[in-house]
């Protein structure tokens, strides 16, 4: 039997490469002091997210703040509560990049 319905004569299929998680992500080890790890654990639990998702969200917020500060020339970020109280969120040097060879302060 010949023709398109012959099971032995299949049309060639295009090879489709499947994207794996490894293709989309990189792995890193993050060393943190116990107090920082406890804070991360608490934030993740409070938001119902994994620690990885919490760190990703924090990184996105950091990037947003940094871009916003550069665009506006802002030197600090302030939050105003519903009661009108103003809180300084980020010190001036928090988002600055240290000079090569400079030592980060603890």
N, C-alpha and C. Protein backbone atom coordinates (compact mmCIF):
# COMPACT_ATOMS: atom_id res chain seq x y z
N UNK A 1 0.84 -1.17 0.00
CA UNK A 1 0.00 0.00 0.00
C UNK A 1 0.88 1.24 0.00
N UNK A 2 0.60 2.12 -0.91
CA UNK A 2 1.38 3.36 -0.94
C UNK A 2 0.43 4.53 -0.82
N UNK A 3 0.99 5.69 -0.59
CA UNK A 3 0.14 6.88 -0.46
C UNK A 3 0.31 7.52 0.90
N UNK A 4 -0.41 8.60 1.12
CA UNK A 4 -0.23 9.35 2.36
C UNK A 4 -0.73 8.62 3.60
N UNK A 5 -1.55 7.59 3.45
CA UNK A 5 -2.09 6.91 4.61
C UNK A 5 -1.29 5.70 5.04
N UNK A 6 -0.21 5.42 4.37
CA UNK A 6 0.64 4.29 4.71
C UNK A 6 1.41 4.64 5.99
N UNK A 7 1.20 3.91 7.09
CA UNK A 7 1.86 4.24 8.36
C UNK A 7 3.38 4.16 8.29
N UNK A 8 3.91 3.40 7.36
CA UNK A 8 5.35 3.29 7.25
C UNK A 8 5.97 4.49 6.54
N UNK A 9 5.19 5.29 5.85
CA UNK A 9 5.69 6.45 5.12
C UNK A 9 5.23 7.73 5.81
N UNK A 10 5.82 8.05 6.92
CA UNK A 10 5.46 9.27 7.65
C UNK A 10 6.20 10.46 7.09
N UNK A 11 5.55 11.60 7.13
CA UNK A 11 6.21 12.83 6.70
C UNK A 11 7.24 13.22 7.75
N UNK A 12 8.38 13.73 7.30
CA UNK A 12 9.38 14.14 8.30
C UNK A 12 8.86 15.30 9.13
N UNK A 13 9.14 15.24 10.40
CA UNK A 13 8.73 16.31 11.31
C UNK A 13 9.90 17.23 11.59
N UNK A 14 9.58 18.49 11.76
CA UNK A 14 10.62 19.45 12.11
C UNK A 14 11.04 19.17 13.55
N UNK A 15 12.32 19.24 13.77
CA UNK A 15 12.83 19.02 15.12
C UNK A 15 12.59 20.27 15.96
N UNK A 16 11.89 20.12 17.05
CA UNK A 16 11.59 21.24 17.93
C UNK A 16 12.40 21.07 19.21
N UNK A 17 13.29 22.00 19.43
CA UNK A 17 14.09 21.94 20.65
C UNK A 17 13.25 22.44 21.81
N UNK A 18 13.17 21.66 22.85
CA UNK A 18 12.42 22.07 24.03
C UNK A 18 13.32 22.88 24.95
N UNK A 19 12.78 23.99 25.43
CA UNK A 19 13.53 24.83 26.35
C UNK A 19 13.41 24.22 27.75
N UNK A 20 14.53 24.06 28.40
CA UNK A 20 14.51 23.50 29.74
C UNK A 20 14.70 24.63 30.75
N UNK A 21 14.44 24.32 32.00
CA UNK A 21 14.66 25.30 33.06
C UNK A 21 16.10 25.77 33.07
N UNK A 22 17.03 24.88 32.80
CA UNK A 22 18.45 25.24 32.79
C UNK A 22 18.76 26.26 31.71
N UNK A 23 17.99 26.26 30.61
CA UNK A 23 18.19 27.23 29.55
C UNK A 23 17.73 28.63 29.96
N UNK A 24 16.80 28.71 30.89
CA UNK A 24 16.21 29.99 31.28
C UNK A 24 16.78 30.55 32.57
N UNK A 25 17.46 29.75 33.35
CA UNK A 25 17.93 30.21 34.65
C UNK A 25 19.39 29.86 34.87
N UNK A 26 19.99 30.59 35.78
CA UNK A 26 21.35 30.28 36.22
C UNK A 26 21.27 30.06 37.73
N UNK A 27 22.20 29.31 38.25
CA UNK A 27 22.20 29.01 39.67
C UNK A 27 23.34 29.74 40.34
N UNK A 28 23.06 30.26 41.53
CA UNK A 28 24.12 30.89 42.32
C UNK A 28 23.92 30.51 43.78
N UNK A 29 24.99 30.55 44.52
CA UNK A 29 24.94 30.32 45.95
C UNK A 29 25.07 31.67 46.63
N UNK A 30 24.21 31.94 47.57
CA UNK A 30 24.19 33.22 48.26
C UNK A 30 24.52 32.98 49.72
N UNK A 31 25.61 33.53 50.19
CA UNK A 31 25.99 33.41 51.59
C UNK A 31 25.46 34.62 52.34
N UNK A 32 24.74 34.38 53.43
CA UNK A 32 24.13 35.45 54.21
C UNK A 32 24.38 35.22 55.69
N UNK A 33 24.50 36.31 56.42
CA UNK A 33 24.56 36.16 57.88
C UNK A 33 23.22 35.58 58.38
N UNK A 34 23.24 34.90 59.51
CA UNK A 34 22.00 34.28 60.02
C UNK A 34 20.84 35.27 60.17
N UNK A 35 21.12 36.49 60.60
CA UNK A 35 20.02 37.47 60.75
C UNK A 35 19.39 37.81 59.42
N UNK A 36 20.21 37.93 58.37
CA UNK A 36 19.68 38.23 57.04
C UNK A 36 18.86 37.05 56.52
N UNK A 37 19.34 35.83 56.76
CA UNK A 37 18.61 34.65 56.32
C UNK A 37 17.27 34.55 57.06
N UNK A 38 17.26 34.87 58.34
CA UNK A 38 16.02 34.85 59.11
C UNK A 38 15.04 35.89 58.56
N UNK A 39 15.55 37.06 58.17
CA UNK A 39 14.70 38.09 57.59
C UNK A 39 14.14 37.62 56.25
N UNK A 40 14.97 36.98 55.43
CA UNK A 40 14.51 36.44 54.15
C UNK A 40 13.45 35.37 54.36
N UNK A 41 13.68 34.47 55.30
CA UNK A 41 12.70 33.43 55.62
C UNK A 41 11.37 34.05 56.03
N UNK A 42 11.43 35.08 56.88
CA UNK A 42 10.21 35.74 57.37
C UNK A 42 9.46 36.44 56.24
N UNK A 43 10.21 37.14 55.36
CA UNK A 43 9.56 37.83 54.23
C UNK A 43 8.91 36.83 53.29
N UNK A 44 9.62 35.75 52.99
CA UNK A 44 9.08 34.74 52.09
C UNK A 44 7.81 34.13 52.67
N UNK A 45 7.84 33.80 53.95
CA UNK A 45 6.67 33.21 54.60
C UNK A 45 5.50 34.20 54.62
N UNK A 46 5.79 35.46 54.91
CA UNK A 46 4.74 36.49 54.98
C UNK A 46 4.06 36.68 53.63
N UNK A 47 4.83 36.61 52.56
CA UNK A 47 4.28 36.80 51.22
C UNK A 47 3.79 35.50 50.59
N UNK A 48 4.09 34.36 51.24
CA UNK A 48 3.69 33.07 50.68
C UNK A 48 4.48 32.72 49.43
N UNK A 49 5.75 33.16 49.41
CA UNK A 49 6.61 32.91 48.25
C UNK A 49 7.83 32.11 48.70
N UNK A 50 8.50 31.53 47.73
CA UNK A 50 9.76 30.86 48.03
C UNK A 50 10.83 31.93 48.29
N UNK A 51 11.94 31.50 48.88
CA UNK A 51 13.05 32.44 49.08
C UNK A 51 13.58 32.93 47.74
N UNK A 52 13.61 32.05 46.75
CA UNK A 52 14.08 32.45 45.42
C UNK A 52 13.18 33.53 44.83
N UNK A 53 11.87 33.33 44.91
CA UNK A 53 10.93 34.33 44.39
C UNK A 53 11.04 35.64 45.16
N UNK A 54 11.29 35.56 46.46
CA UNK A 54 11.44 36.77 47.28
C UNK A 54 12.69 37.54 46.87
N UNK A 55 13.80 36.84 46.65
CA UNK A 55 15.03 37.50 46.21
C UNK A 55 14.84 38.11 44.83
N UNK A 56 14.15 37.41 43.94
CA UNK A 56 13.88 37.97 42.61
C UNK A 56 13.05 39.24 42.70
N UNK A 57 12.02 39.23 43.56
CA UNK A 57 11.17 40.41 43.73
C UNK A 57 11.99 41.57 44.30
N UNK A 58 12.87 41.28 45.24
CA UNK A 58 13.72 42.32 45.82
C UNK A 58 14.66 42.89 44.77
N UNK A 59 15.19 42.04 43.90
CA UNK A 59 16.07 42.50 42.84
C UNK A 59 15.32 43.41 41.86
N UNK A 60 14.08 43.01 41.50
CA UNK A 60 13.28 43.85 40.61
C UNK A 60 13.02 45.21 41.24
N UNK A 61 12.70 45.23 42.54
CA UNK A 61 12.47 46.50 43.23
C UNK A 61 13.74 47.34 43.26
N UNK A 62 14.87 46.72 43.54
CA UNK A 62 16.16 47.41 43.56
C UNK A 62 16.43 48.04 42.19
N UNK A 63 16.21 47.26 41.12
CA UNK A 63 16.43 47.78 39.77
C UNK A 63 15.51 48.95 39.47
N UNK A 64 14.25 48.83 39.86
CA UNK A 64 13.28 49.90 39.64
C UNK A 64 13.71 51.18 40.36
N UNK A 65 14.10 51.04 41.62
CA UNK A 65 14.54 52.21 42.39
C UNK A 65 15.77 52.85 41.78
N UNK A 66 16.71 52.02 41.37
CA UNK A 66 17.95 52.53 40.81
C UNK A 66 17.68 53.30 39.51
N UNK A 67 16.87 52.73 38.63
CA UNK A 67 16.54 53.40 37.37
C UNK A 67 15.80 54.70 37.64
N UNK A 68 14.84 54.65 38.56
CA UNK A 68 14.05 55.85 38.89
C UNK A 68 14.93 56.95 39.46
N UNK A 69 15.85 56.58 40.32
CA UNK A 69 16.74 57.57 40.92
C UNK A 69 17.65 58.19 39.86
N UNK A 70 18.15 57.38 38.94
CA UNK A 70 19.00 57.90 37.87
C UNK A 70 18.22 58.84 36.96
N UNK A 71 17.00 58.44 36.59
CA UNK A 71 16.19 59.26 35.68
C UNK A 71 15.81 60.60 36.30
N UNK A 72 15.51 60.59 37.58
CA UNK A 72 15.02 61.82 38.23
C UNK A 72 16.12 62.61 38.90
N UNK A 73 17.30 62.01 39.06
CA UNK A 73 18.37 62.68 39.78
C UNK A 73 18.15 62.68 41.29
N UNK A 74 17.22 61.85 41.75
CA UNK A 74 16.93 61.77 43.18
C UNK A 74 18.14 61.25 43.95
N UNK A 75 18.31 61.75 45.15
CA UNK A 75 19.42 61.29 45.99
C UNK A 75 18.93 60.47 47.18
N UNK A 76 17.62 60.42 47.37
CA UNK A 76 17.06 59.59 48.44
C UNK A 76 15.62 59.26 48.10
N UNK A 77 15.09 58.28 48.78
CA UNK A 77 13.71 57.85 48.57
C UNK A 77 12.97 57.99 49.88
N UNK A 78 11.82 58.63 49.81
CA UNK A 78 11.03 58.85 51.01
C UNK A 78 9.66 58.20 50.83
N UNK A 79 9.15 57.63 51.90
CA UNK A 79 7.80 57.07 51.91
C UNK A 79 6.94 57.91 52.83
N UNK A 80 5.73 58.18 52.40
CA UNK A 80 4.79 58.93 53.24
C UNK A 80 3.64 58.00 53.58
N UNK A 81 3.42 57.78 54.85
CA UNK A 81 2.34 56.92 55.30
C UNK A 81 1.00 57.63 55.23
N UNK A 82 -0.07 56.90 55.44
CA UNK A 82 -1.41 57.50 55.41
C UNK A 82 -1.58 58.55 56.50
N UNK A 83 -0.82 58.40 57.58
CA UNK A 83 -0.90 59.38 58.67
C UNK A 83 -0.04 60.61 58.39
N UNK A 84 0.63 60.64 57.23
CA UNK A 84 1.46 61.78 56.87
C UNK A 84 2.90 61.65 57.32
N UNK A 85 3.20 60.61 58.10
CA UNK A 85 4.57 60.42 58.56
C UNK A 85 5.47 60.07 57.38
N UNK A 86 6.62 60.72 57.32
CA UNK A 86 7.57 60.48 56.23
C UNK A 86 8.73 59.66 56.77
N UNK A 87 9.10 58.62 56.03
CA UNK A 87 10.19 57.74 56.42
C UNK A 87 11.19 57.69 55.28
N UNK A 88 12.46 57.88 55.62
CA UNK A 88 13.53 57.78 54.63
C UNK A 88 13.79 56.29 54.40
N UNK A 89 13.58 55.84 53.18
CA UNK A 89 13.69 54.42 52.88
C UNK A 89 15.11 54.01 52.53
N UNK A 90 15.79 54.79 51.70
CA UNK A 90 17.08 54.40 51.20
C UNK A 90 18.07 55.53 51.42
N UNK A 91 19.17 55.27 52.11
CA UNK A 91 20.18 56.30 52.25
C UNK A 91 20.81 56.64 50.91
N UNK A 92 21.39 57.79 50.80
CA UNK A 92 21.96 58.29 49.55
C UNK A 92 22.91 57.30 48.91
N UNK A 93 23.80 56.68 49.66
CA UNK A 93 24.82 55.83 49.07
C UNK A 93 24.38 54.38 48.87
N UNK A 94 23.16 54.04 49.19
CA UNK A 94 22.70 52.66 49.09
C UNK A 94 22.77 52.14 47.65
N UNK A 95 22.38 52.97 46.70
CA UNK A 95 22.32 52.53 45.31
C UNK A 95 23.55 52.93 44.50
N UNK A 96 24.52 53.53 45.15
CA UNK A 96 25.71 53.91 44.39
C UNK A 96 26.63 52.72 44.23
N UNK A 97 27.35 52.72 43.15
CA UNK A 97 28.29 51.63 42.86
C UNK A 97 29.64 52.02 43.43
N UNK A 98 30.25 51.18 44.28
CA UNK A 98 31.54 51.52 44.85
C UNK A 98 32.64 51.57 43.79
N UNK A 99 33.61 52.39 44.02
CA UNK A 99 34.77 52.48 43.12
C UNK A 99 35.50 51.15 43.13
N UNK A 100 36.18 50.83 42.05
CA UNK A 100 36.96 49.59 41.98
C UNK A 100 37.96 49.57 43.12
N UNK A 101 38.02 48.50 43.84
CA UNK A 101 38.96 48.37 44.95
C UNK A 101 38.44 48.92 46.25
N UNK A 102 37.29 49.61 46.22
CA UNK A 102 36.74 50.16 47.47
C UNK A 102 36.16 49.03 48.30
N UNK A 103 36.24 49.17 49.59
CA UNK A 103 35.75 48.15 50.52
C UNK A 103 34.33 48.51 50.93
N UNK A 104 33.41 47.56 50.81
CA UNK A 104 32.04 47.78 51.24
C UNK A 104 31.99 47.82 52.76
N UNK A 105 31.19 48.72 53.28
CA UNK A 105 31.05 48.80 54.73
C UNK A 105 30.00 47.81 55.20
N UNK A 106 30.20 47.24 56.38
CA UNK A 106 29.22 46.27 56.92
C UNK A 106 28.10 46.99 57.59
